[in-house]
């Protein structure tokens, strides 16, 4: 507490260099990091729901997420490839 008060009263904050706009709280990079963190928390919540409420074994939950990852990659790949082909025509 004393160090913080001295930091403010002695104006030591003026000697600190500001954070780059790339790492600012509202930057695209930090917003993306926040979205990834929220996604990981949602996946954890789904895993807990599947194992605790539905009764699926842990390996079954992992298998479900592995298949979902594979299918979403397949769909995204097909969509990106079809838009690429559409631009060539």
N, C-alpha and C. Protein backbone atom coordinates (compact mmCIF):
# COMPACT_ATOMS: atom_id res chain seq x y z
N UNK A 1 0.84 -1.19 0.00
CA UNK A 1 0.00 0.00 0.00
C UNK A 1 0.88 1.25 0.00
N UNK A 2 1.90 1.23 0.82
CA UNK A 2 2.79 2.39 0.91
C UNK A 2 3.52 2.62 -0.42
N UNK A 3 3.95 1.54 -1.04
CA UNK A 3 4.63 1.68 -2.33
C UNK A 3 3.73 2.29 -3.39
N UNK A 4 2.47 1.90 -3.39
CA UNK A 4 1.52 2.44 -4.36
C UNK A 4 1.29 3.93 -4.11
N UNK A 5 1.14 4.31 -2.87
CA UNK A 5 0.94 5.73 -2.53
C UNK A 5 2.15 6.54 -2.94
N UNK A 6 3.35 6.01 -2.68
CA UNK A 6 4.57 6.71 -3.09
C UNK A 6 4.67 6.79 -4.61
N UNK A 7 4.26 5.75 -5.30
CA UNK A 7 4.28 5.73 -6.75
C UNK A 7 3.44 6.87 -7.31
N UNK A 8 2.28 7.12 -6.70
CA UNK A 8 1.40 8.20 -7.15
C UNK A 8 1.89 9.56 -6.69
N UNK A 9 2.21 9.68 -5.42
CA UNK A 9 2.58 11.00 -4.87
C UNK A 9 3.92 11.50 -5.42
N UNK A 10 4.86 10.59 -5.67
CA UNK A 10 6.16 11.00 -6.22
C UNK A 10 6.14 11.08 -7.74
N UNK A 11 5.01 10.83 -8.34
CA UNK A 11 4.79 10.87 -9.79
C UNK A 11 5.78 9.98 -10.54
N UNK A 12 6.03 8.81 -9.98
CA UNK A 12 6.89 7.84 -10.65
C UNK A 12 6.22 7.28 -11.90
N UNK A 13 4.91 7.37 -12.01
CA UNK A 13 4.18 6.86 -13.15
C UNK A 13 4.55 7.58 -14.44
N UNK A 14 5.10 8.80 -14.33
CA UNK A 14 5.48 9.55 -15.52
C UNK A 14 6.68 8.92 -16.24
N UNK A 15 7.49 8.17 -15.50
CA UNK A 15 8.69 7.59 -16.11
C UNK A 15 8.41 6.25 -16.79
N UNK A 16 7.19 5.74 -16.68
CA UNK A 16 6.85 4.46 -17.29
C UNK A 16 6.36 4.69 -18.72
N UNK A 17 6.89 3.89 -19.64
CA UNK A 17 6.50 4.01 -21.04
C UNK A 17 5.11 3.43 -21.26
N UNK A 18 4.27 4.08 -22.06
CA UNK A 18 2.91 3.57 -22.28
C UNK A 18 2.92 2.24 -23.03
N UNK A 19 1.85 1.50 -22.86
CA UNK A 19 1.69 0.21 -23.52
C UNK A 19 1.43 0.44 -25.00
N UNK A 20 2.04 -0.38 -25.85
CA UNK A 20 1.83 -0.28 -27.29
C UNK A 20 0.36 -0.51 -27.61
N UNK A 21 -0.10 0.11 -28.69
CA UNK A 21 -1.51 -0.05 -29.06
C UNK A 21 -1.84 -1.50 -29.42
N UNK A 22 -0.83 -2.28 -29.82
CA UNK A 22 -1.05 -3.70 -30.13
C UNK A 22 -1.45 -4.49 -28.89
N UNK A 23 -0.98 -4.05 -27.73
CA UNK A 23 -1.24 -4.78 -26.50
C UNK A 23 -2.23 -4.07 -25.59
N UNK A 24 -2.88 -3.05 -26.10
CA UNK A 24 -3.89 -2.35 -25.32
C UNK A 24 -5.11 -3.23 -25.12
N UNK A 25 -5.88 -2.97 -24.08
CA UNK A 25 -7.04 -3.81 -23.76
C UNK A 25 -8.09 -3.87 -24.86
N UNK A 26 -8.21 -2.85 -25.68
CA UNK A 26 -9.24 -2.85 -26.71
C UNK A 26 -8.68 -3.17 -28.10
N UNK A 27 -7.44 -3.62 -28.17
CA UNK A 27 -6.84 -3.93 -29.47
C UNK A 27 -7.40 -5.23 -30.02
N UNK A 28 -7.20 -5.45 -31.31
CA UNK A 28 -7.66 -6.67 -31.96
C UNK A 28 -6.99 -7.89 -31.35
N UNK A 29 -5.70 -7.78 -31.07
CA UNK A 29 -4.95 -8.89 -30.51
C UNK A 29 -5.50 -9.31 -29.15
N UNK A 30 -5.74 -8.36 -28.27
CA UNK A 30 -6.24 -8.69 -26.94
C UNK A 30 -7.70 -9.13 -26.98
N UNK A 31 -8.48 -8.58 -27.91
CA UNK A 31 -9.86 -9.05 -28.06
C UNK A 31 -9.89 -10.49 -28.54
N UNK A 32 -8.96 -10.84 -29.43
CA UNK A 32 -8.86 -12.22 -29.90
C UNK A 32 -8.44 -13.16 -28.77
N UNK A 33 -7.50 -12.71 -27.96
CA UNK A 33 -7.06 -13.52 -26.82
C UNK A 33 -8.22 -13.73 -25.85
N UNK A 34 -9.01 -12.71 -25.63
CA UNK A 34 -10.17 -12.82 -24.75
C UNK A 34 -11.19 -13.81 -25.31
N UNK A 35 -11.42 -13.74 -26.62
CA UNK A 35 -12.36 -14.66 -27.26
C UNK A 35 -11.88 -16.11 -27.14
N UNK A 36 -10.58 -16.34 -27.31
CA UNK A 36 -10.04 -17.69 -27.16
C UNK A 36 -10.18 -18.19 -25.74
N UNK A 37 -9.98 -17.31 -24.77
CA UNK A 37 -10.13 -17.70 -23.38
C UNK A 37 -11.58 -18.05 -23.08
N UNK A 38 -12.51 -17.25 -23.61
CA UNK A 38 -13.93 -17.54 -23.40
C UNK A 38 -14.33 -18.85 -24.08
N UNK A 39 -13.75 -19.12 -25.25
CA UNK A 39 -14.02 -20.38 -25.93
C UNK A 39 -13.52 -21.56 -25.11
N UNK A 40 -12.33 -21.43 -24.53
CA UNK A 40 -11.80 -22.52 -23.71
C UNK A 40 -12.65 -22.75 -22.47
N UNK A 41 -13.18 -21.69 -21.89
CA UNK A 41 -14.06 -21.84 -20.73
C UNK A 41 -15.37 -22.52 -21.14
N UNK A 42 -15.90 -22.21 -22.33
CA UNK A 42 -17.12 -22.84 -22.81
C UNK A 42 -16.89 -24.32 -23.07
N UNK A 43 -15.75 -24.66 -23.66
CA UNK A 43 -15.41 -26.07 -23.90
C UNK A 43 -15.29 -26.81 -22.57
N UNK A 44 -14.68 -26.19 -21.59
CA UNK A 44 -14.56 -26.82 -20.26
C UNK A 44 -15.94 -27.05 -19.66
N UNK A 45 -16.81 -26.05 -19.80
CA UNK A 45 -18.17 -26.19 -19.28
C UNK A 45 -18.90 -27.34 -19.97
N UNK A 46 -18.77 -27.43 -21.29
CA UNK A 46 -19.40 -28.53 -22.04
C UNK A 46 -18.83 -29.88 -21.62
N UNK A 47 -17.53 -29.95 -21.43
CA UNK A 47 -16.89 -31.20 -21.00
C UNK A 47 -17.43 -31.63 -19.63
N UNK A 48 -17.51 -30.68 -18.71
CA UNK A 48 -18.04 -31.00 -17.38
C UNK A 48 -19.50 -31.44 -17.46
N UNK A 49 -20.28 -30.79 -18.31
CA UNK A 49 -21.68 -31.17 -18.46
C UNK A 49 -21.79 -32.59 -19.01
N UNK A 50 -21.01 -32.89 -20.03
CA UNK A 50 -21.07 -34.22 -20.64
C UNK A 50 -20.65 -35.32 -19.67
N UNK A 51 -19.62 -35.05 -18.87
CA UNK A 51 -19.12 -36.10 -17.98
C UNK A 51 -19.93 -36.20 -16.69
N UNK A 52 -20.40 -35.09 -16.16
CA UNK A 52 -21.08 -35.11 -14.86
C UNK A 52 -22.60 -35.31 -15.00
N UNK A 53 -23.23 -34.60 -15.93
CA UNK A 53 -24.69 -34.66 -16.04
C UNK A 53 -25.17 -35.76 -16.97
N UNK A 54 -24.52 -35.89 -18.11
CA UNK A 54 -24.95 -36.88 -19.10
C UNK A 54 -24.39 -38.26 -18.78
N UNK A 55 -23.24 -38.31 -18.13
CA UNK A 55 -22.65 -39.59 -17.74
C UNK A 55 -21.71 -40.18 -18.78
N UNK A 56 -21.29 -39.39 -19.75
CA UNK A 56 -20.34 -39.86 -20.75
C UNK A 56 -18.96 -39.96 -20.09
N UNK A 57 -18.21 -41.03 -20.35
CA UNK A 57 -16.87 -41.11 -19.78
C UNK A 57 -15.96 -40.02 -20.35
N UNK A 58 -14.89 -39.74 -19.65
CA UNK A 58 -13.98 -38.66 -20.04
C UNK A 58 -13.46 -38.91 -21.46
N UNK A 59 -13.06 -40.15 -21.75
CA UNK A 59 -12.54 -40.44 -23.09
C UNK A 59 -13.61 -40.21 -24.16
N UNK A 60 -14.88 -40.43 -23.81
CA UNK A 60 -15.97 -40.18 -24.75
C UNK A 60 -16.14 -38.70 -25.05
N UNK A 61 -15.98 -37.88 -24.00
CA UNK A 61 -16.04 -36.44 -24.18
C UNK A 61 -14.90 -35.96 -25.07
N UNK A 62 -13.71 -36.50 -24.85
CA UNK A 62 -12.56 -36.14 -25.69
C UNK A 62 -12.81 -36.56 -27.13
N UNK A 63 -13.40 -37.72 -27.33
CA UNK A 63 -13.70 -38.19 -28.68
C UNK A 63 -14.70 -37.27 -29.37
N UNK A 64 -15.71 -36.83 -28.63
CA UNK A 64 -16.71 -35.91 -29.19
C UNK A 64 -16.05 -34.61 -29.64
N UNK A 65 -15.18 -34.06 -28.78
CA UNK A 65 -14.51 -32.81 -29.14
C UNK A 65 -13.53 -33.01 -30.28
N UNK A 66 -12.89 -34.17 -30.36
CA UNK A 66 -11.97 -34.45 -31.47
C UNK A 66 -12.74 -34.52 -32.78
N UNK A 67 -13.88 -35.20 -32.77
CA UNK A 67 -14.69 -35.29 -33.98
C UNK A 67 -15.26 -33.93 -34.38
N UNK A 68 -15.67 -33.14 -33.39
CA UNK A 68 -16.18 -31.80 -33.68
C UNK A 68 -15.09 -30.94 -34.29
N UNK A 69 -13.87 -31.08 -33.80
CA UNK A 69 -12.75 -30.33 -34.36
C UNK A 69 -12.47 -30.75 -35.80
N UNK A 70 -12.48 -32.05 -36.05
CA UNK A 70 -12.24 -32.54 -37.40
C UNK A 70 -13.32 -32.08 -38.37
N UNK A 71 -14.59 -32.20 -37.97
CA UNK A 71 -15.68 -31.79 -38.85
C UNK A 71 -15.71 -30.28 -39.09
N UNK A 72 -15.43 -29.49 -38.05
CA UNK A 72 -15.41 -28.04 -38.26
C UNK A 72 -14.26 -27.65 -39.17
N UNK A 73 -13.11 -28.32 -39.06
CA UNK A 73 -12.00 -28.06 -39.97
C UNK A 73 -12.34 -28.45 -41.40
N UNK A 74 -13.04 -29.57 -41.54
CA UNK A 74 -13.46 -30.01 -42.87
C UNK A 74 -14.42 -29.00 -43.49
N UNK A 75 -15.39 -28.56 -42.73
CA UNK A 75 -16.36 -27.60 -43.24
C UNK A 75 -15.69 -26.28 -43.59
N UNK A 76 -14.83 -25.78 -42.70
CA UNK A 76 -14.13 -24.52 -42.99
C UNK A 76 -13.24 -24.65 -44.22
N UNK A 77 -12.59 -25.81 -44.36
CA UNK A 77 -11.76 -26.03 -45.53
C UNK A 77 -12.57 -26.05 -46.81
N UNK A 78 -13.72 -26.71 -46.77
CA UNK A 78 -14.58 -26.75 -47.96
C UNK A 78 -15.13 -25.38 -48.30
N UNK A 79 -15.51 -24.62 -47.29
CA UNK A 79 -16.04 -23.28 -47.54
C UNK A 79 -14.97 -22.38 -48.11
N UNK A 80 -13.77 -22.43 -47.54
CA UNK A 80 -12.70 -21.56 -48.05
C UNK A 80 -12.29 -21.97 -49.45
N UNK A 81 -12.27 -23.25 -49.73
CA UNK A 81 -11.90 -23.72 -51.07
C UNK A 81 -12.96 -23.36 -52.08
N UNK A 82 -14.24 -23.47 -51.69
CA UNK A 82 -15.32 -23.15 -52.64
C UNK A 82 -15.35 -21.65 -52.93
N UNK A 83 -15.03 -20.81 -51.96
CA UNK A 83 -14.99 -19.37 -52.24
C UNK A 83 -13.79 -19.04 -53.11
N UNK A 84 -12.69 -19.77 -52.94
CA UNK A 84 -11.51 -19.56 -53.76
C UNK A 84 -11.81 -19.94 -55.20
N UNK A 85 -12.50 -21.04 -55.41
CA UNK A 85 -12.87 -21.47 -56.76
C UNK A 85 -13.84 -20.48 -57.37
N UNK A 86 -14.76 -19.97 -56.57
CA UNK A 86 -15.73 -18.99 -57.05
C UNK A 86 -15.07 -17.72 -57.53
N UNK A 87 -13.97 -17.31 -56.91
CA UNK A 87 -13.28 -16.10 -57.32
C UNK A 87 -12.51 -16.29 -58.63
N UNK A 88 -12.13 -17.51 -58.95
CA UNK A 88 -11.39 -17.78 -60.17
C UNK A 88 -12.27 -17.74 -61.41
N UNK A 89 -13.55 -18.03 -61.22
CA UNK A 89 -14.46 -18.13 -62.36
C UNK A 89 -14.79 -16.79 -62.92
